[in-house]
Amino acid sequence: MINDIKKDAEERMSKSVAAVVEAFKRVRTGRATPAILDGVSVSYYGVDTPLSQVANIIVEDARTLAITPWEKPMVPEIEKAIMKSDLGLNPATTGDKIRVPMPALTEETRKEYIKQARAEAEKGRVSVRNIRRDANATLKELQKEKEISEDEQRGGEEQIQKITDKFIAQIDDLLADKEKDLMKV
């Protein structure tokens, strides 16, 4: 029973770490990466659709993304969506292709992106701690109902704490890597 609780907590914590990884992909560095546009939606025949489902997004060079819509009438829609996306990007259209140059990061913008990355990492840590709290509450409930002993409860809580520490360390490592990436000139 304790193993089931541990396994469930570990699965949920790994999903929290995966969410942090996804959030970090949206924090812009100086390099061009299609993941930056993951949160951009385009009105496609009246339905908000992720940009990646209406166009091909490739890295043209280190600082430029090239977007090729599958339908030519989508070009102005995509351009508008990128401008509205609050990513600080200015797309340039050439015929049926949209180029999105990545502006060089200033010291100020780098610090802003680091703040954003730290906030995302903290959300991940809070999520992991909430999972720990839920697992510990489940163990206390089992102990109250006399399904496990106090020693088993304490041992289970210690094991869950070790798992929690492992996942928080992973998040901290991801944050350190992201900060290093952001400060690279």
C-alpha atoms as a PDB file:
ATOM      1  CA  MET A   1       0.000   0.000   0.000  1.00  0.00           C
ATOM      2  CA  ILE A   2       2.819   2.393   0.906  1.00  0.00           C
ATOM      3  CA  ASN A   3       4.596   1.432  -2.301  1.00  0.00           C
ATOM      4  CA  ASP A   4       1.494   2.387  -4.305  1.00  0.00           C
ATOM      5  CA  ILE A   5       1.427   5.805  -2.632  1.00  0.00           C
ATOM      6  CA  LYS A   6       5.164   6.237  -3.306  1.00  0.00           C
ATOM      7  CA  LYS A   7       4.795   5.174  -6.929  1.00  0.00           C
ATOM      8  CA  ASP A   8       1.837   7.539  -7.483  1.00  0.00           C
ATOM      9  CA  ALA A   9       3.717  10.448  -5.860  1.00  0.00           C
ATOM     10  CA  GLU A  10       6.808   9.736  -7.966  1.00  0.00           C
ATOM     11  CA  GLU A  11       4.773   9.652 -11.204  1.00  0.00           C
ATOM     12  CA  ARG A  12       3.019  12.914 -10.369  1.00  0.00           C
ATOM     13  CA  MET A  13       6.303  14.585  -9.369  1.00  0.00           C
ATOM     14  CA  SER A  14       7.951  13.539 -12.641  1.00  0.00           C
ATOM     15  CA  LYS A  15       5.013  15.163 -14.481  1.00  0.00           C
ATOM     16  CA  SER A  16       5.676  18.364 -12.509  1.00  0.00           C
ATOM     17  CA  VAL A  17       9.320  18.297 -13.612  1.00  0.00           C
ATOM     18  CA  ALA A  18       8.183  17.720 -17.218  1.00  0.00           C
ATOM     19  CA  ALA A  19       5.901  20.769 -16.902  1.00  0.00           C
ATOM     20  CA  VAL A  20       8.879  22.854 -15.746  1.00  0.00           C
ATOM     21  CA  VAL A  21      10.884  21.645 -18.759  1.00  0.00           C
ATOM     22  CA  GLU A  22       8.024  22.722 -21.058  1.00  0.00           C
ATOM     23  CA  ALA A  23       7.757  26.101 -19.322  1.00  0.00           C
ATOM     24  CA  PHE A  24      11.511  26.623 -19.738  1.00  0.00           C
ATOM     25  CA  LYS A  25      11.168  26.032 -23.486  1.00  0.00           C
ATOM     26  CA  ARG A  26       8.943  29.111 -23.645  1.00  0.00           C
ATOM     27  CA  VAL A  27      11.491  31.275 -21.817  1.00  0.00           C
ATOM     28  CA  ARG A  28      13.385  32.838 -24.689  1.00  0.00           C
ATOM     29  CA  THR A  29      17.141  32.652 -25.023  1.00  0.00           C
ATOM     30  CA  GLY A  30      19.179  34.360 -27.737  1.00  0.00           C
ATOM     31  CA  ARG A  31      18.876  31.324 -30.002  1.00  0.00           C
ATOM     32  CA  ALA A  32      15.962  30.546 -32.275  1.00  0.00           C
ATOM     33  CA  THR A  33      13.907  27.497 -31.330  1.00  0.00           C
ATOM     34  CA  PRO A  34      10.430  26.499 -32.578  1.00  0.00           C
ATOM     35  CA  ALA A  35       9.363  25.779 -28.974  1.00  0.00           C
ATOM     36  CA  ILE A  36       9.171  29.549 -28.376  1.00  0.00           C
ATOM     37  CA  LEU A  37       6.032  29.627 -30.529  1.00  0.00           C
ATOM     38  CA  ASP A  38       4.334  26.682 -28.763  1.00  0.00           C
ATOM     39  CA  GLY A  39       1.910  28.959 -26.920  1.00  0.00           C
ATOM     40  CA  VAL A  40       0.849  30.887 -30.038  1.00  0.00           C
ATOM     41  CA  SER A  41      -2.630  30.130 -31.382  1.00  0.00           C
ATOM     42  CA  VAL A  42      -3.998  31.195 -34.767  1.00  0.00           C
ATOM     43  CA  SER A  43      -7.616  31.674 -35.771  1.00  0.00           C
ATOM     44  CA  TYR A  44      -8.072  28.899 -38.330  1.00  0.00           C
ATOM     45  CA  TYR A  45     -11.545  29.023 -39.853  1.00  0.00           C
ATOM     46  CA  GLY A  46     -12.849  30.533 -36.614  1.00  0.00           C
ATOM     47  CA  VAL A  47     -11.161  28.010 -34.308  1.00  0.00           C
ATOM     48  CA  ASP A  48      -8.082  28.839 -32.212  1.00  0.00           C
ATOM     49  CA  THR A  49      -5.471  26.355 -33.392  1.00  0.00           C
ATOM     50  CA  PRO A  50      -1.839  25.970 -32.269  1.00  0.00           C
ATOM     51  CA  LEU A  51       0.548  27.535 -34.789  1.00  0.00           C
ATOM     52  CA  SER A  52       2.415  24.244 -35.223  1.00  0.00           C
ATOM     53  CA  GLN A  53      -0.794  22.688 -36.633  1.00  0.00           C
ATOM     54  CA  VAL A  54      -1.271  25.244 -39.413  1.00  0.00           C
ATOM     55  CA  ALA A  55       2.335  25.838 -40.487  1.00  0.00           C
ATOM     56  CA  ASN A  56       5.789  24.336 -40.678  1.00  0.00           C
ATOM     57  CA  ILE A  57       8.231  26.013 -38.261  1.00  0.00           C
ATOM     58  CA  ILE A  58      11.965  25.565 -38.845  1.00  0.00           C
ATOM     59  CA  VAL A  59      15.153  27.158 -37.570  1.00  0.00           C
ATOM     60  CA  GLU A  60      16.629  28.986 -40.547  1.00  0.00           C
ATOM     61  CA  ASP A  61      19.776  30.082 -38.737  1.00  0.00           C
ATOM     62  CA  ALA A  62      20.837  30.611 -35.111  1.00  0.00           C
ATOM     63  CA  ARG A  63      18.700  33.747 -34.743  1.00  0.00           C
ATOM     64  CA  THR A  64      15.852  33.259 -37.245  1.00  0.00           C
ATOM     65  CA  LEU A  65      12.758  31.070 -37.410  1.00  0.00           C
ATOM     66  CA  ALA A  66      11.064  30.440 -40.750  1.00  0.00           C
ATOM     67  CA  ILE A  67       7.331  29.715 -40.793  1.00  0.00           C
ATOM     68  CA  THR A  68       5.702  28.295 -43.885  1.00  0.00           C
ATOM     69  CA  PRO A  69       1.892  28.130 -43.614  1.00  0.00           C
ATOM     70  CA  TRP A  70       0.164  25.235 -45.293  1.00  0.00           C
ATOM     71  CA  GLU A  71      -2.412  27.648 -46.738  1.00  0.00           C
ATOM     72  CA  LYS A  72      -1.373  31.011 -48.207  1.00  0.00           C
ATOM     73  CA  PRO A  73      -4.350  32.959 -46.741  1.00  0.00           C
ATOM     74  CA  MET A  74      -3.042  32.083 -43.256  1.00  0.00           C
ATOM     75  CA  VAL A  75       0.062  34.318 -43.614  1.00  0.00           C
ATOM     76  CA  PRO A  76      -1.530  37.543 -42.212  1.00  0.00           C
ATOM     77  CA  GLU A  77      -3.327  35.578 -39.476  1.00  0.00           C
ATOM     78  CA  ILE A  78      -0.066  33.974 -38.320  1.00  0.00           C
ATOM     79  CA  GLU A  79       1.730  37.311 -38.444  1.00  0.00           C
ATOM     80  CA  LYS A  80      -0.986  38.917 -36.292  1.00  0.00           C
ATOM     81  CA  ALA A  81      -0.937  36.050 -33.797  1.00  0.00           C
ATOM     82  CA  ILE A  82       2.846  36.308 -33.335  1.00  0.00           C
ATOM     83  CA  MET A  83       2.652  40.089 -32.842  1.00  0.00           C
ATOM     84  CA  LYS A  84      -0.148  39.689 -30.245  1.00  0.00           C
ATOM     85  CA  SER A  85       1.650  36.857 -28.442  1.00  0.00           C
ATOM     86  CA  ASP A  86       3.628  39.182 -26.127  1.00  0.00           C
ATOM     87  CA  LEU A  87       6.900  37.421 -26.979  1.00  0.00           C
ATOM     88  CA  GLY A  88       8.548  40.603 -28.242  1.00  0.00           C
ATOM     89  CA  LEU A  89       8.960  39.190 -31.752  1.00  0.00           C
ATOM     90  CA  ASN A  90       8.462  41.090 -35.020  1.00  0.00           C
ATOM     91  CA  PRO A  91       7.699  38.765 -37.938  1.00  0.00           C
ATOM     92  CA  ALA A  92       8.637  39.788 -41.487  1.00  0.00           C
ATOM     93  CA  THR A  93       6.668  38.373 -44.402  1.00  0.00           C
ATOM     94  CA  THR A  94       8.215  37.565 -47.764  1.00  0.00           C
ATOM     95  CA  GLY A  95       5.569  36.133 -50.062  1.00  0.00           C
ATOM     96  CA  ASP A  96       4.295  32.941 -48.485  1.00  0.00           C
ATOM     97  CA  LYS A  97       7.045  32.633 -45.874  1.00  0.00           C
ATOM     98  CA  ILE A  98       7.254  34.400 -42.525  1.00  0.00           C
ATOM     99  CA  ARG A  99      10.656  35.028 -40.977  1.00  0.00           C
ATOM    100  CA  VAL A 100      10.883  35.720 -37.250  1.00  0.00           C
ATOM    101  CA  PRO A 101      14.256  37.185 -36.239  1.00  0.00           C
ATOM    102  CA  MET A 102      15.198  36.748 -32.586  1.00  0.00           C
ATOM    103  CA  PRO A 103      16.256  40.106 -31.176  1.00  0.00           C
ATOM    104  CA  ALA A 104      19.564  40.124 -29.323  1.00  0.00           C
ATOM    105  CA  LEU A 105      19.113  39.969 -25.574  1.00  0.00           C
ATOM    106  CA  THR A 106      20.147  42.977 -23.542  1.00  0.00           C
ATOM    107  CA  GLU A 107      21.351  42.648 -19.961  1.00  0.00           C
ATOM    108  CA  GLU A 108      17.954  43.901 -18.788  1.00  0.00           C
ATOM    109  CA  THR A 109      15.954  41.386 -20.833  1.00  0.00           C
ATOM    110  CA  ARG A 110      18.250  38.572 -19.733  1.00  0.00           C
ATOM    111  CA  LYS A 111      17.500  39.420 -16.096  1.00  0.00           C
ATOM    112  CA  GLU A 112      13.759  39.516 -16.847  1.00  0.00           C
ATOM    113  CA  TYR A 113      13.935  36.079 -18.461  1.00  0.00           C
ATOM    114  CA  ILE A 114      15.897  34.747 -15.486  1.00  0.00           C
ATOM    115  CA  LYS A 115      13.156  36.057 -13.172  1.00  0.00           C
ATOM    116  CA  GLN A 116      10.582  34.320 -15.363  1.00  0.00           C
ATOM    117  CA  ALA A 117      12.576  31.062 -15.279  1.00  0.00           C
ATOM    118  CA  ARG A 118      12.915  31.262 -11.482  1.00  0.00           C
ATOM    119  CA  ALA A 119       9.157  31.807 -11.150  1.00  0.00           C
ATOM    120  CA  GLU A 120       8.475  28.737 -13.316  1.00  0.00           C
ATOM    121  CA  ALA A 121      10.945  26.683 -11.251  1.00  0.00           C
ATOM    122  CA  GLU A 122       9.243  27.809  -8.036  1.00  0.00           C
ATOM    123  CA  LYS A 123       5.850  26.758  -9.435  1.00  0.00           C
ATOM    124  CA  GLY A 124       7.369  23.335 -10.106  1.00  0.00           C
ATOM    125  CA  ARG A 125       8.792  23.096  -6.575  1.00  0.00           C
ATOM    126  CA  VAL A 126       5.435  24.088  -5.070  1.00  0.00           C
ATOM    127  CA  SER A 127       3.722  21.448  -7.195  1.00  0.00           C
ATOM    128  CA  VAL A 128       6.177  18.772  -5.990  1.00  0.00           C
ATOM    129  CA  ARG A 129       5.670  19.832  -2.352  1.00  0.00           C
ATOM    130  CA  ASN A 130       1.881  19.692  -2.776  1.00  0.00           C
ATOM    131  CA  ILE A 131       2.203  16.131  -4.050  1.00  0.00           C
ATOM    132  CA  ARG A 132       4.342  15.302  -1.003  1.00  0.00           C
ATOM    133  CA  ARG A 133       1.678  16.820   1.262  1.00  0.00           C
ATOM    134  CA  ASP A 134      -1.060  14.754  -0.418  1.00  0.00           C
ATOM    135  CA  ALA A 135       0.966  11.542  -0.082  1.00  0.00           C
ATOM    136  CA  ASN A 136       1.706  12.245   3.597  1.00  0.00           C
ATOM    137  CA  ALA A 137      -1.976  12.987   4.238  1.00  0.00           C
ATOM    138  CA  THR A 138      -2.883   9.646   2.654  1.00  0.00           C
ATOM    139  CA  LEU A 139      -0.354   7.883   4.916  1.00  0.00           C
ATOM    140  CA  LYS A 140      -1.785   9.626   8.013  1.00  0.00           C
ATOM    141  CA  GLU A 141      -5.283   8.611   6.963  1.00  0.00           C
ATOM    142  CA  LEU A 142      -4.184   4.970   6.597  1.00  0.00           C
ATOM    143  CA  GLN A 143      -2.532   5.104  10.027  1.00  0.00           C
ATOM    144  CA  LYS A 144      -5.677   6.625  11.562  1.00  0.00           C
ATOM    145  CA  GLU A 145      -7.749   3.787  10.112  1.00  0.00           C
ATOM    146  CA  LYS A 146      -5.204   1.322  11.603  1.00  0.00           C
ATOM    147  CA  GLU A 147      -4.304  -0.065   8.176  1.00  0.00           C
ATOM    148  CA  ILE A 148      -0.612   0.711   8.775  1.00  0.00           C
ATOM    149  CA  SER A 149       1.414   1.211  11.953  1.00  0.00           C
ATOM    150  CA  GLU A 150       2.963   4.489  13.114  1.00  0.00           C
ATOM    151  CA  ASP A 151       6.425   3.165  12.229  1.00  0.00           C
ATOM    152  CA  GLU A 152       5.263   2.284   8.723  1.00  0.00           C
ATOM    153  CA  GLN A 153       3.750   5.751   8.397  1.00  0.00           C
ATOM    154  CA  ARG A 154       6.996   7.431   9.498  1.00  0.00           C
ATOM    155  CA  GLY A 155       9.046   5.228   7.178  1.00  0.00           C
ATOM    156  CA  GLY A 156       6.697   6.030   4.292  1.00  0.00           C
ATOM    157  CA  GLU A 157       6.947   9.755   4.996  1.00  0.00           C
ATOM    158  CA  GLU A 158      10.755   9.512   5.008  1.00  0.00           C
ATOM    159  CA  GLN A 159      10.727   7.685   1.671  1.00  0.00           C
ATOM    160  CA  ILE A 160       8.380  10.280   0.175  1.00  0.00           C
ATOM    161  CA  GLN A 161      10.664  13.054   1.480  1.00  0.00           C
ATOM    162  CA  LYS A 162      13.636  11.423  -0.280  1.00  0.00           C
ATOM    163  CA  ILE A 163      11.652  11.289  -3.527  1.00  0.00           C
ATOM    164  CA  THR A 164      10.627  14.936  -3.043  1.00  0.00           C
ATOM    165  CA  ASP A 165      14.246  15.985  -2.479  1.00  0.00           C
ATOM    166  CA  LYS A 166      15.290  14.147  -5.653  1.00  0.00           C
ATOM    167  CA  PHE A 167      12.709  15.942  -7.816  1.00  0.00           C
ATOM    168  CA  ILE A 168      13.372  19.360  -6.290  1.00  0.00           C
ATOM    169  CA  ALA A 169      17.085  18.833  -6.997  1.00  0.00           C
ATOM    170  CA  GLN A 170      16.177  18.037 -10.637  1.00  0.00           C
ATOM    171  CA  ILE A 171      14.215  21.292 -10.886  1.00  0.00           C
ATOM    172  CA  ASP A 172      17.127  23.224  -9.344  1.00  0.00           C
ATOM    173  CA  ASP A 173      19.522  21.656 -11.874  1.00  0.00           C
ATOM    174  CA  LEU A 174      17.203  22.583 -14.751  1.00  0.00           C
ATOM    175  CA  LEU A 175      17.009  26.157 -13.447  1.00  0.00           C
ATOM    176  CA  ALA A 176      20.804  26.411 -13.139  1.00  0.00           C
ATOM    177  CA  ASP A 177      21.187  25.194 -16.734  1.00  0.00           C
ATOM    178  CA  LYS A 178      18.570  27.669 -17.970  1.00  0.00           C
ATOM    179  CA  GLU A 179      20.207  30.573 -16.120  1.00  0.00           C
ATOM    180  CA  LYS A 180      23.597  29.630 -17.588  1.00  0.00           C
ATOM    181  CA  ASP A 181      21.991  29.464 -21.050  1.00  0.00           C
ATOM    182  CA  LEU A 182      20.360  32.881 -20.590  1.00  0.00           C
ATOM    183  CA  MET A 183      23.552  34.590 -19.404  1.00  0.00           C
ATOM    184  CA  LYS A 184      25.602  33.242 -22.335  1.00  0.00           C
ATOM    185  CA  VAL A 185      26.414  36.151 -24.639  1.00  0.00           C
END
